[in-house]
Amino acid sequence: MTTEDLNPQGYCPAATCGSPIVMRDRSPSGSSVCALGHYSPTRDVHAEPLVRRARAAKLEAERQAWRDEGAATERAAIVSDLRDDLRDLRSYGAPDDVEAWLAEVIAYIASGAHRSAQEPA
C-alpha cells in the first residue's frame, strides 16, 4: 500500500474496525463516521489503516524479541567466561571470599536482574 492508496479522511479508531472514514467534521469537537457507521471524535481518527498499524505492532514485538534473545545470548557468553574464571581461581587456590563473590556475580548476571536495574523506570 502506497501513500496514494491511503484514505485522505483517515480510518476508524474502533479496535476491530479500521474502515475508511466517509464523513469527517474537521472542527475541534467534530465527529467522524466510518464506512460501517461507527461514530468517533475526529481527533481519534487514525491516519493509517488497521492492517498497517497491526503490522507495525507485530514488527515492533519481533524486534523486541530479537533484542531479548540477543541479550540472553550475550549474558550466557559472559556467564560462561566468568565460570571459566572461577574454575581458574579455584585451581590457583584463591581465597574463599573471592570465589564466593564471583559466584554471586555469576548468579546475578545469569538471572538477568542486572538488566532491569539498568533500565529507567
PDB file of N, CA and C in Angstrom:
ATOM      1  N   MET A   1       0.855  -1.180   0.000  1.00  0.00           N
ATOM      2  CA  MET A   1       0.000   0.000   0.000  1.00  0.00           C
ATOM      3  C   MET A   1       0.898   1.241   0.000  1.00  0.00           C
ATOM      4  N   THR A   2       0.709   2.109  -0.942  1.00  0.00           N
ATOM      5  CA  THR A   2       1.492   3.336  -1.030  1.00  0.00           C
ATOM      6  C   THR A   2       0.715   4.478  -0.398  1.00  0.00           C
ATOM      7  N   THR A   3       1.359   5.614  -0.267  1.00  0.00           N
ATOM      8  CA  THR A   3       0.670   6.761   0.327  1.00  0.00           C
ATOM      9  C   THR A   3      -0.482   7.231  -0.551  1.00  0.00           C
ATOM     10  N   GLU A   4      -0.406   6.955  -1.869  1.00  0.00           N
ATOM     11  CA  GLU A   4      -1.508   7.339  -2.752  1.00  0.00           C
ATOM     12  C   GLU A   4      -2.754   6.503  -2.475  1.00  0.00           C
ATOM     13  N   ASP A   5      -2.565   5.272  -1.970  1.00  0.00           N
ATOM     14  CA  ASP A   5      -3.684   4.376  -1.683  1.00  0.00           C
ATOM     15  C   ASP A   5      -4.396   4.716  -0.377  1.00  0.00           C
ATOM     16  N   LEU A   6      -3.767   5.497   0.479  1.00  0.00           N
ATOM     17  CA  LEU A   6      -4.356   5.810   1.782  1.00  0.00           C
ATOM     18  C   LEU A   6      -5.576   6.712   1.631  1.00  0.00           C
ATOM     19  N   ASN A   7      -6.546   6.495   2.499  1.00  0.00           N
ATOM     20  CA  ASN A   7      -7.748   7.322   2.514  1.00  0.00           C
ATOM     21  C   ASN A   7      -7.401   8.677   3.136  1.00  0.00           C
ATOM     22  N   PRO A   8      -7.621   9.789   2.448  1.00  0.00           N
ATOM     23  CA  PRO A   8      -7.253  11.100   2.998  1.00  0.00           C
ATOM     24  C   PRO A   8      -8.066  11.476   4.244  1.00  0.00           C
ATOM     25  N   GLN A   9      -9.225  10.850   4.428  1.00  0.00           N
ATOM     26  CA  GLN A   9     -10.052  11.158   5.603  1.00  0.00           C
ATOM     27  C   GLN A   9      -9.577  10.410   6.845  1.00  0.00           C
ATOM     28  N   GLY A  10      -8.809   9.343   6.663  1.00  0.00           N
ATOM     29  CA  GLY A  10      -8.333   8.553   7.791  1.00  0.00           C
ATOM     30  C   GLY A  10      -9.129   7.265   7.930  1.00  0.00           C
ATOM     31  N   TYR A  11      -8.932   6.588   9.069  1.00  0.00           N
ATOM     32  CA  TYR A  11      -9.539   5.286   9.303  1.00  0.00           C
ATOM     33  C   TYR A  11     -10.144   5.220  10.698  1.00  0.00           C
ATOM     34  N   CYS A  12     -11.178   4.411  10.823  1.00  0.00           N
ATOM     35  CA  CYS A  12     -11.936   4.280  12.067  1.00  0.00           C
ATOM     36  C   CYS A  12     -11.034   3.831  13.221  1.00  0.00           C
ATOM     37  N   PRO A  13     -11.133   4.489  14.376  1.00  0.00           N
ATOM     38  CA  PRO A  13     -10.307   4.106  15.520  1.00  0.00           C
ATOM     39  C   PRO A  13     -10.895   2.948  16.332  1.00  0.00           C
ATOM     40  N   ALA A  14     -12.086   2.447  15.966  1.00  0.00           N
ATOM     41  CA  ALA A  14     -12.659   1.314  16.703  1.00  0.00           C
ATOM     42  C   ALA A  14     -11.681   0.149  16.644  1.00  0.00           C
ATOM     43  N   ALA A  15     -11.512  -0.532  17.770  1.00  0.00           N
ATOM     44  CA  ALA A  15     -10.467  -1.558  17.915  1.00  0.00           C
ATOM     45  C   ALA A  15     -10.489  -2.624  16.829  1.00  0.00           C
ATOM     46  N   THR A  16     -11.648  -3.068  16.398  1.00  0.00           N
ATOM     47  CA  THR A  16     -11.706  -4.146  15.416  1.00  0.00           C
ATOM     48  C   THR A  16     -12.206  -3.693  14.058  1.00  0.00           C
ATOM     49  N   CYS A  17     -12.411  -2.401  13.862  1.00  0.00           N
ATOM     50  CA  CYS A  17     -12.984  -1.914  12.602  1.00  0.00           C
ATOM     51  C   CYS A  17     -11.899  -1.494  11.619  1.00  0.00           C
ATOM     52  N   GLY A  18     -11.396  -0.287  11.742  1.00  0.00           N
ATOM     53  CA  GLY A  18     -10.369   0.208  10.832  1.00  0.00           C
ATOM     54  C   GLY A  18     -10.867   0.566   9.447  1.00  0.00           C
ATOM     55  N   SER A  19     -12.193   0.676   9.271  1.00  0.00           N
ATOM     56  CA  SER A  19     -12.752   1.025   7.965  1.00  0.00           C
ATOM     57  C   SER A  19     -12.428   2.474   7.613  1.00  0.00           C
ATOM     58  N   PRO A  20     -12.433   2.810   6.328  1.00  0.00           N
ATOM     59  CA  PRO A  20     -12.176   4.191   5.921  1.00  0.00           C
ATOM     60  C   PRO A  20     -13.258   5.137   6.451  1.00  0.00           C
ATOM     61  N   ILE A  21     -12.844   6.345   6.797  1.00  0.00           N
ATOM     62  CA  ILE A  21     -13.790   7.386   7.224  1.00  0.00           C
ATOM     63  C   ILE A  21     -14.473   7.919   5.965  1.00  0.00           C
ATOM     64  N   VAL A  22     -15.798   8.011   6.021  1.00  0.00           N
ATOM     65  CA  VAL A  22     -16.538   8.508   4.854  1.00  0.00           C
ATOM     66  C   VAL A  22     -17.059   9.926   5.074  1.00  0.00           C
ATOM     67  N   MET A  23     -17.194  10.335   6.331  1.00  0.00           N
ATOM     68  CA  MET A  23     -17.659  11.687   6.621  1.00  0.00           C
ATOM     69  C   MET A  23     -16.877  12.191   7.836  1.00  0.00           C
ATOM     70  N   ARG A  24     -16.270  13.381   7.692  1.00  0.00           N
ATOM     71  CA  ARG A  24     -15.424  13.890   8.764  1.00  0.00           C
ATOM     72  C   ARG A  24     -15.673  15.368   8.967  1.00  0.00           C
ATOM     73  N   ASP A  25     -15.964  15.722  10.218  1.00  0.00           N
ATOM     74  CA  ASP A  25     -16.109  17.119  10.596  1.00  0.00           C
ATOM     75  C   ASP A  25     -14.770  17.561  11.176  1.00  0.00           C
ATOM     76  N   ARG A  26     -14.109  18.505  10.534  1.00  0.00           N
ATOM     77  CA  ARG A  26     -12.757  18.884  10.942  1.00  0.00           C
ATOM     78  C   ARG A  26     -12.710  19.943  12.046  1.00  0.00           C
ATOM     79  N   SER A  27     -13.836  20.297  12.611  1.00  0.00           N
ATOM     80  CA  SER A  27     -13.819  21.253  13.719  1.00  0.00           C
ATOM     81  C   SER A  27     -13.225  20.566  14.957  1.00  0.00           C
ATOM     82  N   PRO A  28     -12.724  21.344  15.936  1.00  0.00           N
ATOM     83  CA  PRO A  28     -12.071  20.758  17.107  1.00  0.00           C
ATOM     84  C   PRO A  28     -12.936  19.735  17.855  1.00  0.00           C
ATOM     85  N   SER A  29     -14.217  19.937  17.895  1.00  0.00           N
ATOM     86  CA  SER A  29     -15.071  18.993  18.612  1.00  0.00           C
ATOM     87  C   SER A  29     -15.893  18.140  17.652  1.00  0.00           C
ATOM     88  N   GLY A  30     -15.449  18.034  16.411  1.00  0.00           N
ATOM     89  CA  GLY A  30     -16.209  17.325  15.385  1.00  0.00           C
ATOM     90  C   GLY A  30     -16.170  15.818  15.544  1.00  0.00           C
ATOM     91  N   SER A  31     -17.064  15.157  14.839  1.00  0.00           N
ATOM     92  CA  SER A  31     -17.047  13.701  14.838  1.00  0.00           C
ATOM     93  C   SER A  31     -16.943  13.186  13.420  1.00  0.00           C
ATOM     94  N   SER A  32     -16.528  11.937  13.326  1.00  0.00           N
ATOM     95  CA  SER A  32     -16.346  11.287  12.041  1.00  0.00           C
ATOM     96  C   SER A  32     -17.169  10.019  12.016  1.00  0.00           C
ATOM     97  N   VAL A  33     -17.515   9.594  10.790  1.00  0.00           N
ATOM     98  CA  VAL A  33     -18.286   8.371  10.608  1.00  0.00           C
ATOM     99  C   VAL A  33     -17.531   7.498   9.621  1.00  0.00           C
ATOM    100  N   CYS A  34     -17.356   6.211   9.995  1.00  0.00           N
ATOM    101  CA  CYS A  34     -16.662   5.293   9.095  1.00  0.00           C
ATOM    102  C   CYS A  34     -17.665   4.623   8.162  1.00  0.00           C
ATOM    103  N   ALA A  35     -17.158   3.836   7.224  1.00  0.00           N
ATOM    104  CA  ALA A  35     -17.995   3.165   6.236  1.00  0.00           C
ATOM    105  C   ALA A  35     -18.970   2.183   6.882  1.00  0.00           C
ATOM    106  N   LEU A  36     -18.673   1.706   8.093  1.00  0.00           N
ATOM    107  CA  LEU A  36     -19.561   0.770   8.780  1.00  0.00           C
ATOM    108  C   LEU A  36     -20.489   1.468   9.767  1.00  0.00           C
ATOM    109  N   GLY A  37     -20.416   2.807   9.826  1.00  0.00           N
ATOM    110  CA  GLY A  37     -21.347   3.571  10.650  1.00  0.00           C
ATOM    111  C   GLY A  37     -20.896   3.891  12.061  1.00  0.00           C
ATOM    112  N   HIS A  38     -19.640   3.598  12.427  1.00  0.00           N
ATOM    113  CA  HIS A  38     -19.140   3.955  13.757  1.00  0.00           C
ATOM    114  C   HIS A  38     -18.909   5.459  13.836  1.00  0.00           C
ATOM    115  N   TYR A  39     -19.422   6.082  14.894  1.00  0.00           N
ATOM    116  CA  TYR A  39     -19.159   7.500  15.149  1.00  0.00           C
ATOM    117  C   TYR A  39     -17.995   7.595  16.126  1.00  0.00           C
ATOM    118  N   SER A  40     -17.087   8.513  15.870  1.00  0.00           N
ATOM    119  CA  SER A  40     -15.959   8.719  16.776  1.00  0.00           C
ATOM    120  C   SER A  40     -15.491  10.161  16.672  1.00  0.00           C
ATOM    121  N   PRO A  41     -14.871  10.670  17.745  1.00  0.00           N
ATOM    122  CA  PRO A  41     -14.334  12.033  17.671  1.00  0.00           C
ATOM    123  C   PRO A  41     -13.268  12.115  16.573  1.00  0.00           C
ATOM    124  N   THR A  42     -13.281  13.194  15.828  1.00  0.00           N
ATOM    125  CA  THR A  42     -12.331  13.363  14.732  1.00  0.00           C
ATOM    126  C   THR A  42     -10.890  13.293  15.231  1.00  0.00           C
ATOM    127  N   ARG A  43     -10.630  13.771  16.439  1.00  0.00           N
ATOM    128  CA  ARG A  43      -9.256  13.753  16.967  1.00  0.00           C
ATOM    129  C   ARG A  43      -8.725  12.330  17.148  1.00  0.00           C
ATOM    130  N   ASP A  44      -9.620  11.314  17.221  1.00  0.00           N
ATOM    131  CA  ASP A  44      -9.200   9.923  17.421  1.00  0.00           C
ATOM    132  C   ASP A  44      -8.978   9.155  16.123  1.00  0.00           C
ATOM    133  N   VAL A  45      -9.309   9.754  14.982  1.00  0.00           N
ATOM    134  CA  VAL A  45      -9.202   9.065  13.690  1.00  0.00           C
ATOM    135  C   VAL A  45      -7.736   8.770  13.392  1.00  0.00           C
ATOM    136  N   HIS A  46      -7.475   7.553  12.885  1.00  0.00           N
ATOM    137  CA  HIS A  46      -6.108   7.130  12.557  1.00  0.00           C
ATOM    138  C   HIS A  46      -5.765   7.480  11.114  1.00  0.00           C
ATOM    139  N   ALA A  47      -4.518   7.848  10.897  1.00  0.00           N
ATOM    140  CA  ALA A  47      -4.066   8.181   9.548  1.00  0.00           C
ATOM    141  C   ALA A  47      -3.748   6.928   8.737  1.00  0.00           C
ATOM    142  N   GLU A  48      -3.488   5.801   9.416  1.00  0.00           N
ATOM    143  CA  GLU A  48      -3.141   4.570   8.722  1.00  0.00           C
ATOM    144  C   GLU A  48      -4.201   3.504   8.977  1.00  0.00           C
ATOM    145  N   PRO A  49      -4.390   2.601   8.030  1.00  0.00           N
ATOM    146  CA  PRO A  49      -5.372   1.541   8.217  1.00  0.00           C
ATOM    147  C   PRO A  49      -4.964   0.574   9.332  1.00  0.00           C
ATOM    148  N   LEU A  50      -5.960  -0.121   9.868  1.00  0.00           N
ATOM    149  CA  LEU A  50      -5.761  -1.057  10.975  1.00  0.00           C
ATOM    150  C   LEU A  50      -4.731  -2.125  10.631  1.00  0.00           C
ATOM    151  N   VAL A  51      -4.756  -2.627   9.400  1.00  0.00           N
ATOM    152  CA  VAL A  51      -3.811  -3.672   8.993  1.00  0.00           C
ATOM    153  C   VAL A  51      -2.380  -3.172   9.103  1.00  0.00           C
ATOM    154  N   ARG A  52      -2.142  -1.961   8.653  1.00  0.00           N
ATOM    155  CA  ARG A  52      -0.788  -1.400   8.712  1.00  0.00           C
ATOM    156  C   ARG A  52      -0.363  -1.170  10.156  1.00  0.00           C
ATOM    157  N   ARG A  53      -1.288  -0.685  11.002  1.00  0.00           N
ATOM    158  CA  ARG A  53      -0.950  -0.475  12.417  1.00  0.00           C
ATOM    159  C   ARG A  53      -0.647  -1.810  13.096  1.00  0.00           C
ATOM    160  N   ALA A  54      -1.428  -2.844  12.778  1.00  0.00           N
ATOM    161  CA  ALA A  54      -1.204  -4.168  13.364  1.00  0.00           C
ATOM    162  C   ALA A  54       0.142  -4.731  12.913  1.00  0.00           C
ATOM    163  N   ARG A  55       0.455  -4.526  11.636  1.00  0.00           N
ATOM    164  CA  ARG A  55       1.740  -4.999  11.118  1.00  0.00           C
ATOM    165  C   ARG A  55       2.893  -4.281  11.824  1.00  0.00           C
ATOM    166  N   ALA A  56       2.766  -2.987  12.037  1.00  0.00           N
ATOM    167  CA  ALA A  56       3.815  -2.227  12.725  1.00  0.00           C
ATOM    168  C   ALA A  56       3.978  -2.724  14.163  1.00  0.00           C
ATOM    169  N   ALA A  57       2.874  -3.011  14.840  1.00  0.00           N
ATOM    170  CA  ALA A  57       2.941  -3.520  16.213  1.00  0.00           C
ATOM    171  C   ALA A  57       3.609  -4.893  16.247  1.00  0.00           C
ATOM    172  N   LYS A  58       3.308  -5.744  15.260  1.00  0.00           N
ATOM    173  CA  LYS A  58       3.908  -7.077  15.197  1.00  0.00           C
ATOM    174  C   LYS A  58       5.414  -6.967  14.956  1.00  0.00           C
ATOM    175  N   LEU A  59       5.817  -6.073  14.054  1.00  0.00           N
ATOM    176  CA  LEU A  59       7.242  -5.892  13.790  1.00  0.00           C
ATOM    177  C   LEU A  59       7.981  -5.398  15.030  1.00  0.00           C
ATOM    178  N   GLU A  60       7.369  -4.487  15.758  1.00  0.00           N
ATOM    179  CA  GLU A  60       8.000  -3.981  16.987  1.00  0.00           C
ATOM    180  C   GLU A  60       8.149  -5.095  18.012  1.00  0.00           C
ATOM    181  N   ALA A  61       7.135  -5.954  18.133  1.00  0.00           N
ATOM    182  CA  ALA A  61       7.214  -7.084  19.064  1.00  0.00           C
ATOM    183  C   ALA A  61       8.331  -8.045  18.645  1.00  0.00           C
ATOM    184  N   GLU A  62       8.480  -8.276  17.338  1.00  0.00           N
ATOM    185  CA  GLU A  62       9.559  -9.146  16.857  1.00  0.00           C
ATOM    186  C   GLU A  62      10.928  -8.527  17.130  1.00  0.00           C
ATOM    187  N   ARG A  63      11.049  -7.214  16.925  1.00  0.00           N
ATOM    188  CA  ARG A  63      12.321  -6.531  17.223  1.00  0.00           C
ATOM    189  C   ARG A  63      12.676  -6.683  18.698  1.00  0.00           C
ATOM    190  N   GLN A  64      11.687  -6.512  19.562  1.00  0.00           N
ATOM    191  CA  GLN A  64      11.924  -6.641  20.998  1.00  0.00           C
ATOM    192  C   GLN A  64      12.353  -8.069  21.339  1.00  0.00           C
ATOM    193  N   ALA A  65      11.733  -9.060  20.701  1.00  0.00           N
ATOM    194  CA  ALA A  65      12.098 -10.458  20.953  1.00  0.00           C
ATOM    195  C   ALA A  65      13.548 -10.711  20.530  1.00  0.00           C
ATOM    196  N   TRP A  66      13.944 -10.142  19.369  1.00  0.00           N
ATOM    197  CA  TRP A  66      15.331 -10.299  18.928  1.00  0.00           C
ATOM    198  C   TRP A  66      16.287  -9.645  19.913  1.00  0.00           C
ATOM    199  N   ARG A  67      15.922  -8.447  20.402  1.00  0.00           N
ATOM    200  CA  ARG A  67      16.777  -7.780  21.385  1.00  0.00           C
ATOM    201  C   ARG A  67      16.921  -8.632  22.632  1.00  0.00           C
ATOM    202  N   ASP A  68      15.795  -9.181  23.111  1.00  0.00           N
ATOM    203  CA  ASP A  68      15.830 -10.012  24.314  1.00  0.00           C
ATOM    204  C   ASP A  68      16.669 -11.270  24.088  1.00  0.00           C
ATOM    205  N   GLU A  69      16.504 -11.883  22.895  1.00  0.00           N
ATOM    206  CA  GLU A  69      17.268 -13.089  22.578  1.00  0.00           C
ATOM    207  C   GLU A  69      18.758 -12.771  22.499  1.00  0.00           C
ATOM    208  N   GLY A  70      19.095 -11.639  21.873  1.00  0.00           N
ATOM    209  CA  GLY A  70      20.494 -11.234  21.791  1.00  0.00           C
ATOM    210  C   GLY A  70      21.084 -10.982  23.159  1.00  0.00           C
ATOM    211  N   ALA A  71      20.311 -10.359  24.045  1.00  0.00           N
ATOM    212  CA  ALA A  71      20.779 -10.107  25.397  1.00  0.00           C
ATOM    213  C   ALA A  71      20.990 -11.418  26.142  1.00  0.00           C
ATOM    214  N   ALA A  72      20.096 -12.381  25.938  1.00  0.00           N
ATOM    215  CA  ALA A  72      20.235 -13.677  26.602  1.00  0.00           C
ATOM    216  C   ALA A  72      21.485 -14.400  26.113  1.00  0.00           C
ATOM    217  N   THR A  73      21.764 -14.323  24.808  1.00  0.00           N
ATOM    218  CA  THR A  73      22.960 -14.958  24.249  1.00  0.00           C
ATOM    219  C   THR A  73      24.219 -14.309  24.809  1.00  0.00           C
ATOM    220  N   GLU A  74      24.204 -12.978  24.860  1.00  0.00           N
ATOM    221  CA  GLU A  74      25.354 -12.254  25.403  1.00  0.00           C
ATOM    222  C   GLU A  74      25.551 -12.586  26.880  1.00  0.00           C
ATOM    223  N   ARG A  75      24.451 -12.630  27.617  1.00  0.00           N
ATOM    224  CA  ARG A  75      24.511 -12.947  29.046  1.00  0.00           C
ATOM    225  C   ARG A  75      25.076 -14.356  29.249  1.00  0.00           C
ATOM    226  N   ALA A  76      24.663 -15.309  28.405  1.00  0.00           N
ATOM    227  CA  ALA A  76      25.158 -16.680  28.515  1.00  0.00           C
ATOM    228  C   ALA A  76      26.667 -16.741  28.256  1.00  0.00           C
ATOM    229  N   ALA A  77      27.136 -15.960  27.280  1.00  0.00           N
ATOM    230  CA  ALA A  77      28.571 -15.931  26.983  1.00  0.00           C
ATOM    231  C   ALA A  77      29.362 -15.344  28.153  1.00  0.00           C
ATOM    232  N   ILE A  78      28.848 -14.281  28.747  1.00  0.00           N
ATOM    233  CA  ILE A  78      29.526 -13.660  29.894  1.00  0.00           C
ATOM    234  C   ILE A  78      29.579 -14.636  31.060  1.00  0.00           C
ATOM    235  N   VAL A  79      28.457 -15.292  31.336  1.00  0.00           N
ATOM    236  CA  VAL A  79      28.405 -16.248  32.445  1.00  0.00           C
ATOM    237  C   VAL A  79      29.381 -17.395  32.199  1.00  0.00           C
ATOM    238  N   SER A  80      29.456 -17.877  30.958  1.00  0.00           N
ATOM    239  CA  SER A  80      30.385 -18.954  30.634  1.00  0.00           C
ATOM    240  C   SER A  80      31.831 -18.524  30.901  1.00  0.00           C
ATOM    241  N   ASP A  81      32.179 -17.311  30.467  1.00  0.00           N
ATOM    242  CA  ASP A  81      33.530 -16.794  30.705  1.00  0.00           C
ATOM    243  C   ASP A  81      33.816 -16.658  32.200  1.00  0.00           C
ATOM    244  N   LEU A  82      32.848 -16.161  32.939  1.00  0.00           N
ATOM    245  CA  LEU A  82      33.050 -15.998  34.383  1.00  0.00           C
ATOM    246  C   LEU A  82      33.185 -17.346  35.090  1.00  0.00           C
ATOM    247  N   ARG A  83      32.433 -18.334  34.628  1.00  0.00           N
ATOM    248  CA  ARG A  83      32.565 -19.671  35.228  1.00  0.00           C
ATOM    249  C   ARG A  83      33.956 -20.240  34.963  1.00  0.00           C
ATOM    250  N   ASP A  84      34.505 -19.997  33.772  1.00  0.00           N
ATOM    251  CA  ASP A  84      35.884 -20.420  33.483  1.00  0.00           C
ATOM    252  C   ASP A  84      36.855 -19.714  34.417  1.00  0.00           C
ATOM    253  N   ASP A  85      36.630 -18.408  34.627  1.00  0.00           N
ATOM    254  CA  ASP A  85      37.490 -17.657  35.545  1.00  0.00           C
ATOM    255  C   ASP A  85      37.398 -18.217  36.967  1.00  0.00           C
ATOM    256  N   LEU A  86      36.201 -18.585  37.382  1.00  0.00           N
ATOM    257  CA  LEU A  86      36.014 -19.141  38.723  1.00  0.00           C
ATOM    258  C   LEU A  86      36.759 -20.470  38.858  1.00  0.00           C
ATOM    259  N   ARG A  87      36.681 -21.305  37.821  1.00  0.00           N
ATOM    260  CA  ARG A  87      37.422 -22.570  37.834  1.00  0.00           C
ATOM    261  C   ARG A  87      38.930 -22.310  37.955  1.00  0.00           C
ATOM    262  N   ASP A  88      39.418 -21.310  37.212  1.00  0.00           N
ATOM    263  CA  ASP A  88      40.840 -20.966  37.291  1.00  0.00           C
ATOM    264  C   ASP A  88      41.207 -20.489  38.688  1.00  0.00           C
ATOM    265  N   LEU A  89      40.356 -19.647  39.266  1.00  0.00           N
ATOM    266  CA  LEU A  89      40.633 -19.147  40.616  1.00  0.00           C
ATOM    267  C   LEU A  89      40.718 -20.299  41.617  1.00  0.00           C
ATOM    268  N   ARG A  90      39.805 -21.249  41.480  1.00  0.00           N
ATOM    269  CA  ARG A  90      39.820 -22.397  42.401  1.00  0.00           C
ATOM    270  C   ARG A  90      41.100 -23.219  42.227  1.00  0.00           C
ATOM    271  N   SER A  91      41.539 -23.368  40.972  1.00  0.00           N
ATOM    272  CA  SER A  91      42.748 -24.167  40.740  1.00  0.00           C
ATOM    273  C   SER A  91      43.997 -23.459  41.273  1.00  0.00           C
ATOM    274  N   TYR A  92      43.969 -22.119  41.321  1.00  0.00           N
ATOM    275  CA  TYR A  92      45.109 -21.364  41.849  1.00  0.00           C
ATOM    276  C   TYR A  92      45.027 -21.185  43.359  1.00  0.00           C
ATOM    277  N   GLY A  93      43.964 -21.639  43.973  1.00  0.00           N
ATOM    278  CA  GLY A  93      43.823 -21.529  45.422  1.00  0.00           C
ATOM    279  C   GLY A  93      43.453 -20.128  45.887  1.00  0.00           C
ATOM    280  N   ALA A  94      42.529 -19.501  45.184  1.00  0.00           N
ATOM    281  CA  ALA A  94      42.085 -18.151  45.560  1.00  0.00           C
ATOM    282  C   ALA A  94      41.353 -18.202  46.897  1.00  0.00           C
ATOM    283  N   PRO A  95      41.337 -17.096  47.629  1.00  0.00           N
ATOM    284  CA  PRO A  95      40.620 -17.054  48.904  1.00  0.00           C
ATOM    285  C   PRO A  95      39.126 -17.341  48.711  1.00  0.00           C
ATOM    286  N   ASP A  96      38.520 -17.927  49.725  1.00  0.00           N
ATOM    287  CA  ASP A  96      37.111 -18.310  49.640  1.00  0.00           C
ATOM    288  C   ASP A  96      36.192 -17.121  49.386  1.00  0.00           C
ATOM    289  N   ASP A  97      36.511 -15.950  49.988  1.00  0.00           N
ATOM    290  CA  ASP A  97      35.622 -14.796  49.806  1.00  0.00           C
ATOM    291  C   ASP A  97      35.616 -14.316  48.352  1.00  0.00           C
ATOM    292  N   VAL A  98      36.746 -14.459  47.646  1.00  0.00           N
ATOM    293  CA  VAL A  98      36.805 -14.075  46.235  1.00  0.00           C
ATOM    294  C   VAL A  98      35.951 -15.035  45.410  1.00  0.00           C
ATOM    295  N   GLU A  99      36.065 -16.330  45.700  1.00  0.00           N
ATOM    296  CA  GLU A  99      35.253 -17.328  44.999  1.00  0.00           C
ATOM    297  C   GLU A  99      33.767 -17.088  45.246  1.00  0.00           C
ATOM    298  N   ALA A 100      33.412 -16.798  46.490  1.00  0.00           N
ATOM    299  CA  ALA A 100      32.007 -16.561  46.833  1.00  0.00           C
ATOM    300  C   ALA A 100      31.486 -15.316  46.111  1.00  0.00           C
ATOM    301  N   TRP A 101      32.307 -14.265  46.073  1.00  0.00           N
ATOM    302  CA  TRP A 101      31.887 -13.042  45.403  1.00  0.00           C
ATOM    303  C   TRP A 101      31.659 -13.290  43.910  1.00  0.00           C
ATOM    304  N   LEU A 102      32.582 -13.989  43.262  1.00  0.00           N
ATOM    305  CA  LEU A 102      32.443 -14.261  41.835  1.00  0.00           C
ATOM    306  C   LEU A 102      31.236 -15.162  41.568  1.00  0.00           C
ATOM    307  N   ALA A 103      30.988 -16.114  42.448  1.00  0.00           N
ATOM    308  CA  ALA A 103      29.808 -16.972  42.294  1.00  0.00           C
ATOM    309  C   ALA A 103      28.529 -16.136  42.386  1.00  0.00           C
ATOM    310  N   GLU A 104      28.500 -15.135  43.263  1.00  0.00           N
ATOM    311  CA  GLU A 104      27.337 -14.234  43.371  1.00  0.00           C
ATOM    312  C   GLU A 104      27.170 -13.406  42.098  1.00  0.00           C
ATOM    313  N   VAL A 105      28.276 -12.916  41.559  1.00  0.00           N
ATOM    314  CA  VAL A 105      28.221 -12.134  40.318  1.00  0.00           C
ATOM    315  C   VAL A 105      27.664 -12.987  39.185  1.00  0.00           C
ATOM    316  N   ILE A 106      28.133 -14.223  39.088  1.00  0.00           N
ATOM    317  CA  ILE A 106      27.648 -15.127  38.048  1.00  0.00           C
ATOM    318  C   ILE A 106      26.148 -15.349  38.189  1.00  0.00           C
ATOM    319  N   ALA A 107      25.685 -15.617  39.395  1.00  0.00           N
ATOM    320  CA  ALA A 107      24.252 -15.856  39.621  1.00  0.00           C
ATOM    321  C   ALA A 107      23.434 -14.614  39.280  1.00  0.00           C
ATOM    322  N   TYR A 108      23.948 -13.433  39.626  1.00  0.00           N
ATOM    323  CA  TYR A 108      23.240 -12.174  39.370  1.00  0.00           C
ATOM    324  C   TYR A 108      23.088 -11.933  37.868  1.00  0.00           C
ATOM    325  N   ILE A 109      24.176 -12.127  37.126  1.00  0.00           N
ATOM    326  CA  ILE A 109      24.129 -11.912  35.677  1.00  0.00           C
ATOM    327  C   ILE A 109      23.257 -12.976  35.016  1.00  0.00           C
ATOM    328  N   ALA A 110      23.385 -14.214  35.437  1.00  0.00           N
ATOM    329  CA  ALA A 110      22.603 -15.301  34.848  1.00  0.00           C
ATOM    330  C   ALA A 110      21.107 -15.087  35.051  1.00  0.00           C
ATOM    331  N   SER A 111      20.727 -14.467  36.158  1.00  0.00           N
ATOM    332  CA  SER A 111      19.301 -14.241  36.431  1.00  0.00           C
ATOM    333  C   SER A 111      18.716 -13.127  35.569  1.00  0.00           C
ATOM    334  N   GLY A 112      19.571 -12.262  35.016  1.00  0.00           N
ATOM    335  CA  GLY A 112      19.086 -11.144  34.203  1.00  0.00           C
ATOM    336  C   GLY A 112      18.666  -9.952  35.038  1.00  0.00           C
ATOM    337  N   ALA A 113      18.876  -9.997  36.343  1.00  0.00           N
ATOM    338  CA  ALA A 113      18.460  -8.902  37.224  1.00  0.00           C
ATOM    339  C   ALA A 113      19.205  -7.609  36.913  1.00  0.00           C
ATOM    340  N   HIS A 114      20.424  -7.716  36.399  1.00  0.00           N
ATOM    341  CA  HIS A 114      21.187  -6.507  36.084  1.00  0.00           C
ATOM    342  C   HIS A 114      20.533  -5.686  34.992  1.00  0.00           C
ATOM    343  N   ARG A 115      19.795  -6.340  34.086  1.00  0.00           N
ATOM    344  CA  ARG A 115      19.106  -5.597  33.005  1.00  0.00           C
ATOM    345  C   ARG A 115      18.015  -4.708  33.563  1.00  0.00           C
ATOM    346  N   SER A 116      17.199  -5.237  34.463  1.00  0.00           N
ATOM    347  CA  SER A 116      16.096  -4.436  34.984  1.00  0.00           C
ATOM    348  C   SER A 116      16.615  -3.308  35.866  1.00  0.00           C
ATOM    349  N   ALA A 117      17.789  -3.494  36.471  1.00  0.00           N
ATOM    350  CA  ALA A 117      18.363  -2.431  37.307  1.00  0.00           C
ATOM    351  C   ALA A 117      18.888  -1.290  36.460  1.00  0.00           C
ATOM    352  N   GLN A 118      19.292  -1.581  35.190  1.00  0.00           N
ATOM    353  CA  GLN A 118      19.856  -0.552  34.324  1.00  0.00           C
ATOM    354  C   GLN A 118      18.779   0.225  33.565  1.00  0.00           C
ATOM    355  N   GLU A 119      17.631  -0.380  33.374  1.00  0.00           N
ATOM    356  CA  GLU A 119      16.580   0.260  32.585  1.00  0.00           C
ATOM    357  C   GLU A 119      15.884   1.338  33.417  1.00  0.00           C
ATOM    358  N   PRO A 120      15.603   2.503  32.794  1.00  0.00           N
ATOM    359  CA  PRO A 120      14.932   3.567  33.538  1.00  0.00           C
ATOM    360  C   PRO A 120      13.496   3.167  33.888  1.00  0.00           C
ATOM    361  N   ALA A 121      13.055   3.657  35.002  1.00  0.00           N
ATOM    362  CA  ALA A 121      11.702   3.321  35.472  1.00  0.00           C
ATOM    363  C   ALA A 121      10.646   4.121  34.783  1.00  0.00           C
TER     364      ALA A 121
END
